[in-house]
Amino acid sequence: MHYKTLLVHLELARSNHRLTAIAGDLAQRFQADIIGIAGCQPVKILYDEGLLSGEISAADRKEIQKEIDTAEKAFRQDLAKHASLEWRSSITYLSLAGYIAQEARAADLVITGPDIGGTILDSTRRVSIADLVMHAGRPVLLVPRKCKTLPLKHAMVAWKNTTESRRALFDALPMLKLCEKVSVVAVAPDAQFTRARAELADVGSWLVKHGIPANCDVRAAAGSDSGRLAEIAGENDADLVVAGAYGHGRLQEWLLGGVTQDLLLNAERCVLISH
């Protein structure tokens, strides 16, 4: 199993060099094609002022298209050494998460930033990562703004015996095979330690069969699970966290014993998540 096509989402009117650098590096490692994607919703006009509203709409679309063209040019320049590049873009009334999720049919891995784009007053450029993960049907690699490389020296799998965690671990196999070190960590209260160790033994054996030796460890729960996992990731100097996710209510809650946006959407390191 390999990632043969990477879909990288580029923000408009912002530098995307860090994302293209990481996408380019991964494409080289996997011998994969790269699809760049960008989009924006047109401005919402809530009243009809005739010609004025039409002029505003036309000017807005012209500006969006200009920004899309600039993003495409930068994408092709940054990744000029890669033979297979494709570009997709849209001025769409769909949410950006919905648009990217639709286009994810063409890719094995989606690369983006954590809840990037938009402001409180303007959500036309915002991608809801919760919605994207829930609907993409593909693993999503979240790259924090400060990350310029993904060395894959140490990956930490945040484990809980759920459908979502099992799916995430399977989806992450190509990435884990490139890592120098892999750890599988479960956070559990004392009463569940024996069961958690038995589960991790199975996970470790399964990974070995895929050619991935892993250190499996159960850690005591303390405070929020998200905080505990972030603490462990820091201790292990992990540059990649693998996690499963599912939504509660407004799709802003994440599995793994109550892991929240603190770990996944405000990550200090790259996070690969699947639903």
C-alpha atoms as a PDB file:
ATOM      1  CA  MET A   1       0.000   0.000   0.000  1.00  0.00           C
ATOM      2  CA  HIS A   2       1.318   3.426  -0.981  1.00  0.00           C
ATOM      3  CA  TYR A   3       0.017   6.945  -1.325  1.00  0.00           C
ATOM      4  CA  LYS A   4      -0.014   7.389  -5.087  1.00  0.00           C
ATOM      5  CA  THR A   5      -1.764  10.772  -5.220  1.00  0.00           C
ATOM      6  CA  LEU A   6      -1.540  13.632  -2.721  1.00  0.00           C
ATOM      7  CA  LEU A   7      -4.168  16.384  -2.599  1.00  0.00           C
ATOM      8  CA  VAL A   8      -2.700  19.556  -1.066  1.00  0.00           C
ATOM      9  CA  HIS A   9      -5.009  22.423  -0.137  1.00  0.00           C
ATOM     10  CA  LEU A  10      -3.545  25.899  -0.669  1.00  0.00           C
ATOM     11  CA  GLU A  11      -4.776  29.042   1.062  1.00  0.00           C
ATOM     12  CA  LEU A  12      -5.494  32.085  -1.027  1.00  0.00           C
ATOM     13  CA  ALA A  13      -3.605  35.339  -0.461  1.00  0.00           C
ATOM     14  CA  ARG A  14      -1.085  33.580   1.788  1.00  0.00           C
ATOM     15  CA  SER A  15       2.259  31.838   1.365  1.00  0.00           C
ATOM     16  CA  ASN A  16       1.920  28.061   1.046  1.00  0.00           C
ATOM     17  CA  HIS A  17       5.621  27.210   0.777  1.00  0.00           C
ATOM     18  CA  ARG A  18       5.609  25.036   3.906  1.00  0.00           C
ATOM     19  CA  LEU A  19       2.762  22.879   2.592  1.00  0.00           C
ATOM     20  CA  THR A  20       4.208  22.535  -0.886  1.00  0.00           C
ATOM     21  CA  ALA A  21       7.617  21.665   0.585  1.00  0.00           C
ATOM     22  CA  ILE A  22       6.139  18.878   2.708  1.00  0.00           C
ATOM     23  CA  ALA A  23       3.902  17.680  -0.135  1.00  0.00           C
ATOM     24  CA  GLY A  24       6.873  17.649  -2.490  1.00  0.00           C
ATOM     25  CA  ASP A  25       9.001  15.677  -0.045  1.00  0.00           C
ATOM     26  CA  LEU A  26       6.262  13.095   0.535  1.00  0.00           C
ATOM     27  CA  ALA A  27       5.557  12.842  -3.199  1.00  0.00           C
ATOM     28  CA  GLN A  28       9.225  12.094  -3.812  1.00  0.00           C
ATOM     29  CA  ARG A  29       9.287   9.427  -1.082  1.00  0.00           C
ATOM     30  CA  PHE A  30       6.133   7.750  -2.351  1.00  0.00           C
ATOM     31  CA  GLN A  31       6.701   8.453  -6.056  1.00  0.00           C
ATOM     32  CA  ALA A  32       3.269  10.062  -5.952  1.00  0.00           C
ATOM     33  CA  ASP A  33       1.384  12.555  -8.099  1.00  0.00           C
ATOM     34  CA  ILE A  34       0.352  15.889  -6.570  1.00  0.00           C
ATOM     35  CA  ILE A  35      -2.955  17.684  -7.013  1.00  0.00           C
ATOM     36  CA  GLY A  36      -3.120  21.261  -5.813  1.00  0.00           C
ATOM     37  CA  ILE A  37      -6.528  22.573  -4.819  1.00  0.00           C
ATOM     38  CA  ALA A  38      -7.860  25.985  -3.833  1.00  0.00           C
ATOM     39  CA  GLY A  39     -11.249  27.584  -3.574  1.00  0.00           C
ATOM     40  CA  CYS A  40     -13.360  30.310  -2.080  1.00  0.00           C
ATOM     41  CA  GLN A  41     -17.017  31.066  -1.586  1.00  0.00           C
ATOM     42  CA  PRO A  42     -18.256  34.243  -3.269  1.00  0.00           C
ATOM     43  CA  VAL A  43     -19.337  37.095  -1.060  1.00  0.00           C
ATOM     44  CA  LYS A  44     -22.875  36.704   0.271  1.00  0.00           C
ATOM     45  CA  ILE A  45     -25.115  39.613  -0.653  1.00  0.00           C
ATOM     46  CA  LEU A  46     -28.104  39.673   1.663  1.00  0.00           C
ATOM     47  CA  TYR A  47     -30.078  42.352  -0.125  1.00  0.00           C
ATOM     48  CA  ASP A  48     -30.811  43.343  -3.697  1.00  0.00           C
ATOM     49  CA  GLU A  49     -29.536  46.715  -4.799  1.00  0.00           C
ATOM     50  CA  GLY A  50     -29.738  45.965  -8.485  1.00  0.00           C
ATOM     51  CA  LEU A  51     -26.677  47.003 -10.446  1.00  0.00           C
ATOM     52  CA  LEU A  52     -24.664  47.738  -7.297  1.00  0.00           C
ATOM     53  CA  SER A  53     -24.972  44.181  -5.985  1.00  0.00           C
ATOM     54  CA  GLY A  54     -24.089  42.832  -9.428  1.00  0.00           C
ATOM     55  CA  GLU A  55     -20.984  45.021  -9.550  1.00  0.00           C
ATOM     56  CA  ILE A  56     -19.927  43.877  -6.089  1.00  0.00           C
ATOM     57  CA  SER A  57     -20.414  40.237  -7.024  1.00  0.00           C
ATOM     58  CA  ALA A  58     -18.459  40.628 -10.285  1.00  0.00           C
ATOM     59  CA  ALA A  59     -15.607  42.439  -8.527  1.00  0.00           C
ATOM     60  CA  ASP A  60     -15.510  39.791  -5.800  1.00  0.00           C
ATOM     61  CA  ARG A  61     -15.297  36.936  -8.281  1.00  0.00           C
ATOM     62  CA  LYS A  62     -12.602  38.742 -10.247  1.00  0.00           C
ATOM     63  CA  GLU A  63     -10.505  39.180  -7.086  1.00  0.00           C
ATOM     64  CA  ILE A  64     -10.997  35.545  -6.055  1.00  0.00           C
ATOM     65  CA  GLN A  65      -9.961  34.320  -9.499  1.00  0.00           C
ATOM     66  CA  LYS A  66      -6.864  36.529  -9.352  1.00  0.00           C
ATOM     67  CA  GLU A  67      -5.905  34.979  -6.012  1.00  0.00           C
ATOM     68  CA  ILE A  68      -6.574  31.481  -7.340  1.00  0.00           C
ATOM     69  CA  ASP A  69      -4.348  32.144 -10.351  1.00  0.00           C
ATOM     70  CA  THR A  70      -1.583  33.422  -8.052  1.00  0.00           C
ATOM     71  CA  ALA A  71      -1.865  30.318  -5.854  1.00  0.00           C
ATOM     72  CA  GLU A  72      -1.669  28.037  -8.887  1.00  0.00           C
ATOM     73  CA  LYS A  73       1.393  29.836 -10.208  1.00  0.00           C
ATOM     74  CA  ALA A  74       3.169  29.510  -6.855  1.00  0.00           C
ATOM     75  CA  PHE A  75       2.131  25.833  -6.612  1.00  0.00           C
ATOM     76  CA  ARG A  76       3.625  25.036 -10.007  1.00  0.00           C
ATOM     77  CA  GLN A  77       6.798  27.012  -9.288  1.00  0.00           C
ATOM     78  CA  ASP A  78       7.346  25.396  -5.885  1.00  0.00           C
ATOM     79  CA  LEU A  79       6.871  21.898  -7.305  1.00  0.00           C
ATOM     80  CA  ALA A  80       8.354  22.377 -10.751  1.00  0.00           C
ATOM     81  CA  LYS A  81      10.710  19.397 -10.371  1.00  0.00           C
ATOM     82  CA  HIS A  82       7.799  16.988  -9.980  1.00  0.00           C
ATOM     83  CA  ALA A  83       6.668  15.514 -13.274  1.00  0.00           C
ATOM     84  CA  SER A  84       3.019  14.938 -12.450  1.00  0.00           C
ATOM     85  CA  LEU A  85       1.160  18.000 -11.198  1.00  0.00           C
ATOM     86  CA  GLU A  86      -2.522  18.810 -11.482  1.00  0.00           C
ATOM     87  CA  TRP A  87      -4.501  21.866 -10.409  1.00  0.00           C
ATOM     88  CA  ARG A  88      -8.137  22.103  -9.305  1.00  0.00           C
ATOM     89  CA  SER A  89      -9.962  25.211  -8.163  1.00  0.00           C
ATOM     90  CA  SER A  90     -13.437  26.583  -7.789  1.00  0.00           C
ATOM     91  CA  ILE A  91     -15.454  29.619  -6.792  1.00  0.00           C
ATOM     92  CA  THR A  92     -18.103  27.571  -5.087  1.00  0.00           C
ATOM     93  CA  TYR A  93     -21.209  27.959  -2.976  1.00  0.00           C
ATOM     94  CA  LEU A  94     -20.302  24.708  -1.252  1.00  0.00           C
ATOM     95  CA  SER A  95     -18.388  24.947   1.992  1.00  0.00           C
ATOM     96  CA  LEU A  96     -14.664  24.665   1.269  1.00  0.00           C
ATOM     97  CA  ALA A  97     -14.530  21.508   3.381  1.00  0.00           C
ATOM     98  CA  GLY A  98     -17.326  20.062   1.237  1.00  0.00           C
ATOM     99  CA  TYR A  99     -15.585  21.025  -1.996  1.00  0.00           C
ATOM    100  CA  ILE A 100     -12.233  19.535  -0.939  1.00  0.00           C
ATOM    101  CA  ALA A 101     -13.948  16.392   0.371  1.00  0.00           C
ATOM    102  CA  GLN A 102     -15.612  15.883  -3.014  1.00  0.00           C
ATOM    103  CA  GLU A 103     -12.293  16.221  -4.836  1.00  0.00           C
ATOM    104  CA  ALA A 104     -10.598  13.839  -2.376  1.00  0.00           C
ATOM    105  CA  ARG A 105     -11.997  10.990  -4.482  1.00  0.00           C
ATOM    106  CA  ALA A 106      -8.930  11.458  -6.690  1.00  0.00           C
ATOM    107  CA  ALA A 107      -6.344  11.161  -3.896  1.00  0.00           C
ATOM    108  CA  ASP A 108      -4.984   8.848  -1.201  1.00  0.00           C
ATOM    109  CA  LEU A 109      -4.025  11.579   1.272  1.00  0.00           C
ATOM    110  CA  VAL A 110      -5.268  15.124   1.863  1.00  0.00           C
ATOM    111  CA  ILE A 111      -2.754  17.680   3.161  1.00  0.00           C
ATOM    112  CA  THR A 112      -3.922  20.922   4.767  1.00  0.00           C
ATOM    113  CA  GLY A 113      -3.517  23.149   7.797  1.00  0.00           C
ATOM    114  CA  PRO A 114      -5.581  23.066  11.019  1.00  0.00           C
ATOM    115  CA  ASP A 115      -8.819  25.049  10.540  1.00  0.00           C
ATOM    116  CA  ILE A 116      -7.054  27.452   8.223  1.00  0.00           C
ATOM    117  CA  GLY A 117      -8.410  30.543   6.553  1.00  0.00           C
ATOM    118  CA  GLY A 118     -11.228  32.935   7.264  1.00  0.00           C
ATOM    119  CA  THR A 119     -12.048  35.304  10.086  1.00  0.00           C
ATOM    120  CA  ILE A 120     -14.925  35.736  12.504  1.00  0.00           C
ATOM    121  CA  LEU A 121     -16.642  38.021  10.012  1.00  0.00           C
ATOM    122  CA  ASP A 122     -15.635  36.165   6.844  1.00  0.00           C
ATOM    123  CA  SER A 123     -15.844  32.367   6.624  1.00  0.00           C
ATOM    124  CA  THR A 124     -15.685  32.196   2.826  1.00  0.00           C
ATOM    125  CA  ARG A 125     -12.049  31.042   2.991  1.00  0.00           C
ATOM    126  CA  ARG A 126     -12.292  28.835   6.057  1.00  0.00           C
ATOM    127  CA  VAL A 127     -11.974  25.066   5.925  1.00  0.00           C
ATOM    128  CA  SER A 128     -13.639  23.277   8.830  1.00  0.00           C
ATOM    129  CA  ILE A 129     -11.245  20.417   9.509  1.00  0.00           C
ATOM    130  CA  ALA A 130     -13.945  18.557  11.450  1.00  0.00           C
ATOM    131  CA  ASP A 131     -16.226  18.584   8.401  1.00  0.00           C
ATOM    132  CA  LEU A 132     -13.373  17.711   6.041  1.00  0.00           C
ATOM    133  CA  VAL A 133     -12.268  14.707   8.085  1.00  0.00           C
ATOM    134  CA  MET A 134     -15.834  13.503   8.505  1.00  0.00           C
ATOM    135  CA  HIS A 135     -16.625  13.596   4.771  1.00  0.00           C
ATOM    136  CA  ALA A 136     -13.338  13.144   2.869  1.00  0.00           C
ATOM    137  CA  GLY A 137     -13.199   9.355   3.190  1.00  0.00           C
ATOM    138  CA  ARG A 138      -9.419   9.764   3.124  1.00  0.00           C
ATOM    139  CA  PRO A 139      -6.774  10.358   5.798  1.00  0.00           C
ATOM    140  CA  VAL A 140      -6.029  14.028   6.393  1.00  0.00           C
ATOM    141  CA  LEU A 141      -2.554  15.302   7.276  1.00  0.00           C
ATOM    142  CA  LEU A 142      -2.727  18.510   9.308  1.00  0.00           C
ATOM    143  CA  VAL A 143       0.397  20.665   9.073  1.00  0.00           C
ATOM    144  CA  PRO A 144       0.782  23.426  11.705  1.00  0.00           C
ATOM    145  CA  ARG A 145       1.953  26.787  10.431  1.00  0.00           C
ATOM    146  CA  LYS A 146       5.360  26.492  12.073  1.00  0.00           C
ATOM    147  CA  CYS A 147       6.144  23.122  10.433  1.00  0.00           C
ATOM    148  CA  LYS A 148       8.295  23.400   7.334  1.00  0.00           C
ATOM    149  CA  THR A 149       9.437  19.768   7.187  1.00  0.00           C
ATOM    150  CA  LEU A 150       8.167  16.355   8.206  1.00  0.00           C
ATOM    151  CA  PRO A 151      11.313  14.333   8.942  1.00  0.00           C
ATOM    152  CA  LEU A 152       9.369  11.221  10.057  1.00  0.00           C
ATOM    153  CA  LYS A 153      11.884  10.347  12.740  1.00  0.00           C
ATOM    154  CA  HIS A 154       9.269   9.350  15.294  1.00  0.00           C
ATOM    155  CA  ALA A 155       5.540   8.761  14.842  1.00  0.00           C
ATOM    156  CA  MET A 156       3.226   8.330  17.816  1.00  0.00           C
ATOM    157  CA  VAL A 157      -0.058   6.496  17.344  1.00  0.00           C
ATOM    158  CA  ALA A 158      -2.691   7.617  19.867  1.00  0.00           C
ATOM    159  CA  TRP A 159      -4.556   4.359  20.392  1.00  0.00           C
ATOM    160  CA  LYS A 160      -8.027   3.473  21.619  1.00  0.00           C
ATOM    161  CA  ASN A 161      -9.724   0.271  20.527  1.00  0.00           C
ATOM    162  CA  THR A 162     -12.329   1.883  18.304  1.00  0.00           C
ATOM    163  CA  THR A 163     -13.296   1.724  14.653  1.00  0.00           C
ATOM    164  CA  GLU A 164     -11.798   5.180  14.092  1.00  0.00           C
ATOM    165  CA  SER A 165      -8.419   4.328  15.630  1.00  0.00           C
ATOM    166  CA  ARG A 166      -8.181   1.089  13.684  1.00  0.00           C
ATOM    167  CA  ARG A 167      -9.030   2.952  10.477  1.00  0.00           C
ATOM    168  CA  ALA A 168      -6.444   5.656  11.196  1.00  0.00           C
ATOM    169  CA  LEU A 169      -3.725   3.103  11.905  1.00  0.00           C
ATOM    170  CA  PHE A 170      -4.414   1.301   8.636  1.00  0.00           C
ATOM    171  CA  ASP A 171      -4.507   4.560   6.666  1.00  0.00           C
ATOM    172  CA  ALA A 172      -1.190   5.608   8.220  1.00  0.00           C
ATOM    173  CA  LEU A 173       0.721   2.443   7.235  1.00  0.00           C
ATOM    174  CA  PRO A 174       2.553   4.020   4.265  1.00  0.00           C
ATOM    175  CA  MET A 175       3.702   6.904   6.464  1.00  0.00           C
ATOM    176  CA  LEU A 176       4.666   4.653   9.380  1.00  0.00           C
ATOM    177  CA  LYS A 177       6.832   2.509   7.105  1.00  0.00           C
ATOM    178  CA  LEU A 178       8.969   5.569   6.410  1.00  0.00           C
ATOM    179  CA  CYS A 179       9.439   6.435  10.079  1.00  0.00           C
ATOM    180  CA  GLU A 180      12.627   5.647  11.944  1.00  0.00           C
ATOM    181  CA  LYS A 181      10.653   4.917  15.119  1.00  0.00           C
ATOM    182  CA  VAL A 182       6.982   4.198  15.846  1.00  0.00           C
ATOM    183  CA  SER A 183       5.282   4.266  19.247  1.00  0.00           C
ATOM    184  CA  VAL A 184       1.731   3.190  20.012  1.00  0.00           C
ATOM    185  CA  VAL A 185       0.389   4.828  23.149  1.00  0.00           C
ATOM    186  CA  ALA A 186      -2.861   4.247  25.017  1.00  0.00           C
ATOM    187  CA  VAL A 187      -4.041   6.389  27.910  1.00  0.00           C
ATOM    188  CA  ALA A 188      -6.084   4.421  30.439  1.00  0.00           C
ATOM    189  CA  PRO A 189      -7.174   4.482  34.100  1.00  0.00           C
ATOM    190  CA  ASP A 190      -5.590   1.869  36.386  1.00  0.00           C
ATOM    191  CA  ALA A 191      -8.617  -0.418  36.205  1.00  0.00           C
ATOM    192  CA  GLN A 192      -8.221  -0.771  32.422  1.00  0.00           C
ATOM    193  CA  PHE A 193      -4.440  -1.273  32.257  1.00  0.00           C
ATOM    194  CA  THR A 194      -4.532  -5.061  31.797  1.00  0.00           C
ATOM    195  CA  ARG A 195      -7.044  -4.854  28.986  1.00  0.00           C
ATOM    196  CA  ALA A 196      -5.199  -1.982  27.303  1.00  0.00           C
ATOM    197  CA  ARG A 197      -1.896  -3.908  27.392  1.00  0.00           C
ATOM    198  CA  ALA A 198      -3.544  -6.937  25.759  1.00  0.00           C
ATOM    199  CA  GLU A 199      -4.968  -4.719  23.009  1.00  0.00           C
ATOM    200  CA  LEU A 200      -1.607  -3.072  22.385  1.00  0.00           C
ATOM    201  CA  ALA A 201       0.093  -6.462  22.165  1.00  0.00           C
ATOM    202  CA  ASP A 202      -2.233  -7.319  19.287  1.00  0.00           C
ATOM    203  CA  VAL A 203      -1.607  -3.961  17.634  1.00  0.00           C
ATOM    204  CA  GLY A 204       2.162  -4.403  17.968  1.00  0.00           C
ATOM    205  CA  SER A 205       2.016  -7.890  16.436  1.00  0.00           C
ATOM    206  CA  TRP A 206      -0.142  -6.605  13.581  1.00  0.00           C
ATOM    207  CA  LEU A 207       2.307  -3.806  12.817  1.00  0.00           C
ATOM    208  CA  VAL A 208       5.262  -6.223  12.807  1.00  0.00           C
ATOM    209  CA  LYS A 209       3.479  -8.277  10.147  1.00  0.00           C
ATOM    210  CA  HIS A 210       3.459  -5.107   8.052  1.00  0.00           C
ATOM    211  CA  GLY A 211       7.174  -4.628   8.606  1.00  0.00           C
ATOM    212  CA  ILE A 212       6.806  -1.943  11.282  1.00  0.00           C
ATOM    213  CA  PRO A 213       8.363  -2.666  14.687  1.00  0.00           C
ATOM    214  CA  ALA A 214       6.717  -0.466  17.308  1.00  0.00           C
ATOM    215  CA  ASN A 215       7.080   0.360  20.984  1.00  0.00           C
ATOM    216  CA  CYS A 216       3.686  -0.137  22.656  1.00  0.00           C
ATOM    217  CA  ASP A 217       2.991   1.570  25.960  1.00  0.00           C
ATOM    218  CA  VAL A 218       0.008   2.179  28.244  1.00  0.00           C
ATOM    219  CA  ARG A 219       0.171   5.423  30.195  1.00  0.00           C
ATOM    220  CA  ALA A 220      -1.846   6.410  33.228  1.00  0.00           C
ATOM    221  CA  ALA A 221      -4.648   8.864  32.612  1.00  0.00           C
ATOM    222  CA  ALA A 222      -4.088  12.266  34.182  1.00  0.00           C
ATOM    223  CA  GLY A 223      -6.230  15.312  33.494  1.00  0.00           C
ATOM    224  CA  SER A 224      -7.605  15.558  29.975  1.00  0.00           C
ATOM    225  CA  ASP A 225      -6.622  12.817  27.549  1.00  0.00           C
ATOM    226  CA  SER A 226      -5.742  15.438  24.934  1.00  0.00           C
ATOM    227  CA  GLY A 227      -3.342  17.126  27.331  1.00  0.00           C
ATOM    228  CA  ARG A 228      -1.867  13.781  28.374  1.00  0.00           C
ATOM    229  CA  LEU A 229      -1.307  12.698  24.773  1.00  0.00           C
ATOM    230  CA  ALA A 230       0.236  16.058  23.879  1.00  0.00           C
ATOM    231  CA  GLU A 231       2.538  15.688  26.895  1.00  0.00           C
ATOM    232  CA  ILE A 232       3.583  12.179  25.836  1.00  0.00           C
ATOM    233  CA  ALA A 233       4.139  13.296  22.238  1.00  0.00           C
ATOM    234  CA  GLY A 234       6.418  16.021  23.565  1.00  0.00           C
ATOM    235  CA  GLU A 235       8.326  13.580  25.766  1.00  0.00           C
ATOM    236  CA  ASN A 236       8.849  11.279  22.789  1.00  0.00           C
ATOM    237  CA  ASP A 237       9.777  14.178  20.504  1.00  0.00           C
ATOM    238  CA  ALA A 238       7.260  12.835  17.997  1.00  0.00           C
ATOM    239  CA  ASP A 239       7.057  14.754  14.722  1.00  0.00           C
ATOM    240  CA  LEU A 240       3.867  12.940  13.667  1.00  0.00           C
ATOM    241  CA  VAL A 241       0.792  11.918  15.654  1.00  0.00           C
ATOM    242  CA  VAL A 242      -1.682   9.414  14.201  1.00  0.00           C
ATOM    243  CA  ALA A 243      -5.230   9.518  15.565  1.00  0.00           C
ATOM    244  CA  GLY A 244      -8.755   8.418  14.783  1.00  0.00           C
ATOM    245  CA  ALA A 245     -11.606  10.897  14.935  1.00  0.00           C
ATOM    246  CA  TYR A 246     -15.367  10.993  14.984  1.00  0.00           C
ATOM    247  CA  GLY A 247     -17.851  13.751  15.598  1.00  0.00           C
ATOM    248  CA  HIS A 248     -20.259  14.485  18.419  1.00  0.00           C
ATOM    249  CA  GLY A 249     -23.016  16.992  17.865  1.00  0.00           C
ATOM    250  CA  ARG A 250     -21.471  19.756  15.768  1.00  0.00           C
ATOM    251  CA  LEU A 251     -18.533  17.520  14.780  1.00  0.00           C
ATOM    252  CA  GLN A 252     -16.147  19.410  17.011  1.00  0.00           C
ATOM    253  CA  GLU A 253     -15.460  16.601  19.489  1.00  0.00           C
ATOM    254  CA  TRP A 254     -12.862  13.950  18.855  1.00  0.00           C
ATOM    255  CA  LEU A 255     -12.445  10.364  20.007  1.00  0.00           C
ATOM    256  CA  LEU A 256      -9.445   8.858  21.850  1.00  0.00           C
ATOM    257  CA  GLY A 257     -10.848   9.101  25.349  1.00  0.00           C
ATOM    258  CA  GLY A 258     -12.179  12.610  24.901  1.00  0.00           C
ATOM    259  CA  VAL A 259      -9.350  14.091  22.834  1.00  0.00           C
ATOM    260  CA  THR A 260     -10.450  17.563  21.697  1.00  0.00           C
ATOM    261  CA  GLN A 261      -9.402  20.246  19.283  1.00  0.00           C
ATOM    262  CA  ASP A 262      -6.494  21.080  21.601  1.00  0.00           C
ATOM    263  CA  LEU A 263      -4.499  18.127  20.248  1.00  0.00           C
ATOM    264  CA  LEU A 264      -5.757  17.943  16.688  1.00  0.00           C
ATOM    265  CA  LEU A 265      -6.638  21.448  15.562  1.00  0.00           C
ATOM    266  CA  ASN A 266      -4.100  23.387  17.604  1.00  0.00           C
ATOM    267  CA  ALA A 267      -1.353  20.837  17.115  1.00  0.00           C
ATOM    268  CA  GLU A 268       2.297  21.651  17.647  1.00  0.00           C
ATOM    269  CA  ARG A 269       3.270  18.802  15.329  1.00  0.00           C
ATOM    270  CA  CYS A 270       1.834  17.175  12.219  1.00  0.00           C
ATOM    271  CA  VAL A 271      -1.242  15.026  12.840  1.00  0.00           C
ATOM    272  CA  LEU A 272      -2.647  12.360  10.533  1.00  0.00           C
ATOM    273  CA  ILE A 273      -6.301  11.740  11.303  1.00  0.00           C
ATOM    274  CA  SER A 274      -8.966   9.495   9.759  1.00  0.00           C
ATOM    275  CA  HIS A 275     -12.640   8.870  10.138  1.00  0.00           C
END
